[in-house]
Amino acid sequence: MLYKKDYVQKDPEEFLVEKEQEIRKTIMKVYNRKRKDFATDDEYDVYLEDIEDKISVLTDVESTDEKKQFIKEVIRLERTKNTQRIANSNAHVEEQLKLFKQVVECHQKSYKNYTLLNSVAFKKE
């Protein structure tokens, strides 16, 4: 059971920290590219700085609603790009799998022909 005496009221700073953690968690789900996705360290650093800028705008109490809406729209567009990137990656993997299956089938046919020829050759001897 909850009792009034057990309840500790949070100060405003704790609320801000929790809000920042939630925002950071949400943004990091969308902006989840790794170092290997970039050609140089500088590009990756700019990417990380951009993420931190977005987090600071969304957590800043003094930021205008217009700025926050803009950042949310940018995040939505990035989420769409991620979905497209995943779809393209899946299509590429499926294409590679088809090619692999074709190669395996070709090798299996070649092996069957080879064993058939060998069995015929041994019968002649």
Protein backbone atom coordinates (compact mmCIF):
# COMPACT_ATOMS: atom_id res chain seq x y z
CA MET A 1 0.00 0.00 0.00
CA LEU A 2 1.02 3.53 -0.57
CA TYR A 3 1.09 5.88 2.36
CA LYS A 4 1.44 9.59 2.33
CA LYS A 5 4.43 9.39 4.67
CA ASP A 6 6.29 7.17 2.13
CA TYR A 7 5.83 9.62 -0.70
CA VAL A 8 8.78 11.87 -1.38
CA GLN A 9 8.08 14.87 -3.52
CA LYS A 10 10.47 15.36 -6.42
CA ASP A 11 12.09 18.67 -6.97
CA PRO A 12 11.79 20.38 -10.38
CA GLU A 13 15.33 19.42 -11.35
CA GLU A 14 14.51 15.71 -11.03
CA PHE A 15 11.54 16.19 -13.35
CA LEU A 16 13.80 17.88 -15.91
CA VAL A 17 16.34 15.04 -15.72
CA GLU A 18 13.61 12.44 -16.22
CA LYS A 19 12.21 14.41 -19.15
CA GLU A 20 15.66 14.64 -20.75
CA GLN A 21 16.16 10.89 -20.30
CA GLU A 22 12.86 10.14 -22.02
CA ILE A 23 13.65 12.51 -24.89
CA ARG A 24 17.17 11.12 -25.25
CA LYS A 25 15.83 7.56 -25.32
CA THR A 26 13.26 8.43 -27.99
CA ILE A 27 15.78 10.27 -30.16
CA MET A 28 18.41 7.55 -29.86
CA LYS A 29 15.89 5.01 -31.19
CA VAL A 30 15.67 7.10 -34.37
CA TYR A 31 19.25 8.35 -34.62
CA ASN A 32 20.98 5.02 -34.22
CA ARG A 33 23.70 5.13 -36.86
CA LYS A 34 27.13 3.81 -35.91
CA ARG A 35 30.64 5.06 -36.58
CA LYS A 36 31.06 2.56 -39.43
CA ASP A 37 28.18 4.24 -41.30
CA PHE A 38 30.32 7.35 -41.87
CA ALA A 39 33.33 7.91 -44.09
CA THR A 40 35.24 10.04 -41.58
CA ASP A 41 35.36 10.75 -37.87
CA ASP A 42 34.44 14.37 -38.56
CA GLU A 43 31.17 13.36 -40.25
CA TYR A 44 30.32 11.15 -37.29
CA ASP A 45 31.14 13.96 -34.83
CA VAL A 46 28.84 16.36 -36.70
CA TYR A 47 26.11 13.70 -36.57
CA LEU A 48 26.52 13.35 -32.78
CA GLU A 49 26.54 17.13 -32.30
CA ASP A 50 23.34 17.38 -34.33
CA ILE A 51 21.70 14.82 -32.05
CA GLU A 52 22.77 16.72 -28.94
CA ASP A 53 21.45 20.00 -30.41
CA LYS A 54 18.06 18.39 -30.99
CA ILE A 55 17.98 17.03 -27.45
CA SER A 56 18.89 20.40 -25.99
CA VAL A 57 16.15 22.19 -27.95
CA LEU A 58 13.53 19.68 -26.86
CA THR A 59 14.57 19.75 -23.21
CA ASP A 60 15.10 23.49 -22.97
CA VAL A 61 12.22 25.11 -21.14
CA GLU A 62 12.81 28.41 -22.93
CA SER A 63 12.67 26.92 -26.45
CA THR A 64 9.67 28.01 -28.45
CA ASP A 65 6.98 25.59 -29.50
CA GLU A 66 7.82 26.40 -33.11
CA LYS A 67 11.40 25.16 -32.64
CA LYS A 68 10.19 22.04 -30.86
CA GLN A 69 7.68 21.26 -33.61
CA PHE A 70 10.40 21.71 -36.23
CA ILE A 71 12.71 19.30 -34.41
CA LYS A 72 9.89 16.77 -34.03
CA GLU A 73 9.22 17.00 -37.77
CA VAL A 74 12.92 16.44 -38.52
CA ILE A 75 12.88 13.39 -36.25
CA ARG A 76 9.78 12.07 -38.02
CA LEU A 77 11.53 12.46 -41.40
CA GLU A 78 14.61 10.67 -40.06
CA ARG A 79 12.41 7.82 -38.85
CA THR A 80 10.96 7.57 -42.38
CA LYS A 81 14.48 7.51 -43.85
CA ASN A 82 15.44 4.73 -41.43
CA THR A 83 12.43 2.70 -42.51
CA GLN A 84 13.40 3.15 -46.17
CA ARG A 85 17.04 2.28 -45.42
CA ILE A 86 15.94 -0.93 -43.68
CA ALA A 87 13.62 -1.82 -46.57
CA ASN A 88 16.45 -1.27 -49.09
CA SER A 89 18.80 -3.34 -46.98
CA ASN A 90 16.26 -6.16 -46.74
CA ALA A 91 15.72 -6.07 -50.50
CA HIS A 92 19.48 -6.28 -51.05
CA VAL A 93 19.76 -9.24 -48.68
CA GLU A 94 16.88 -11.01 -50.42
CA GLU A 95 18.54 -10.46 -53.81
CA GLN A 96 21.82 -11.85 -52.49
CA LEU A 97 19.98 -14.87 -51.09
CA LYS A 98 18.36 -15.54 -54.48
CA LEU A 99 21.76 -15.38 -56.18
CA PHE A 100 23.23 -17.72 -53.58
CA LYS A 101 20.41 -20.22 -54.11
CA GLN A 102 20.99 -20.10 -57.87
CA VAL A 103 24.69 -20.80 -57.39
CA VAL A 104 23.92 -23.73 -55.07
CA GLU A 105 21.43 -25.17 -57.57
CA CYS A 106 23.98 -24.82 -60.37
CA HIS A 107 26.62 -26.62 -58.31
CA GLN A 108 24.17 -29.37 -57.41
CA LYS A 109 23.34 -29.92 -61.09
CA SER A 110 27.02 -29.95 -61.97
CA TYR A 111 27.72 -32.48 -59.23
CA LYS A 112 24.87 -34.74 -60.41
CA ASN A 113 26.20 -34.57 -63.98
CA TYR A 114 29.72 -35.31 -62.75
CA THR A 115 28.62 -38.34 -60.73
CA LEU A 116 26.50 -39.57 -63.64
CA LEU A 117 29.43 -39.28 -66.05
CA ASN A 118 31.75 -41.07 -63.60
CA SER A 119 29.29 -43.89 -63.07
CA VAL A 120 28.93 -44.32 -66.84
CA ALA A 121 32.72 -44.25 -67.29
CA PHE A 122 33.24 -46.93 -64.60
CA LYS A 123 30.62 -49.16 -66.20
CA LYS A 124 32.50 -49.06 -69.55
CA GLU A 125 35.71 -50.26 -67.92
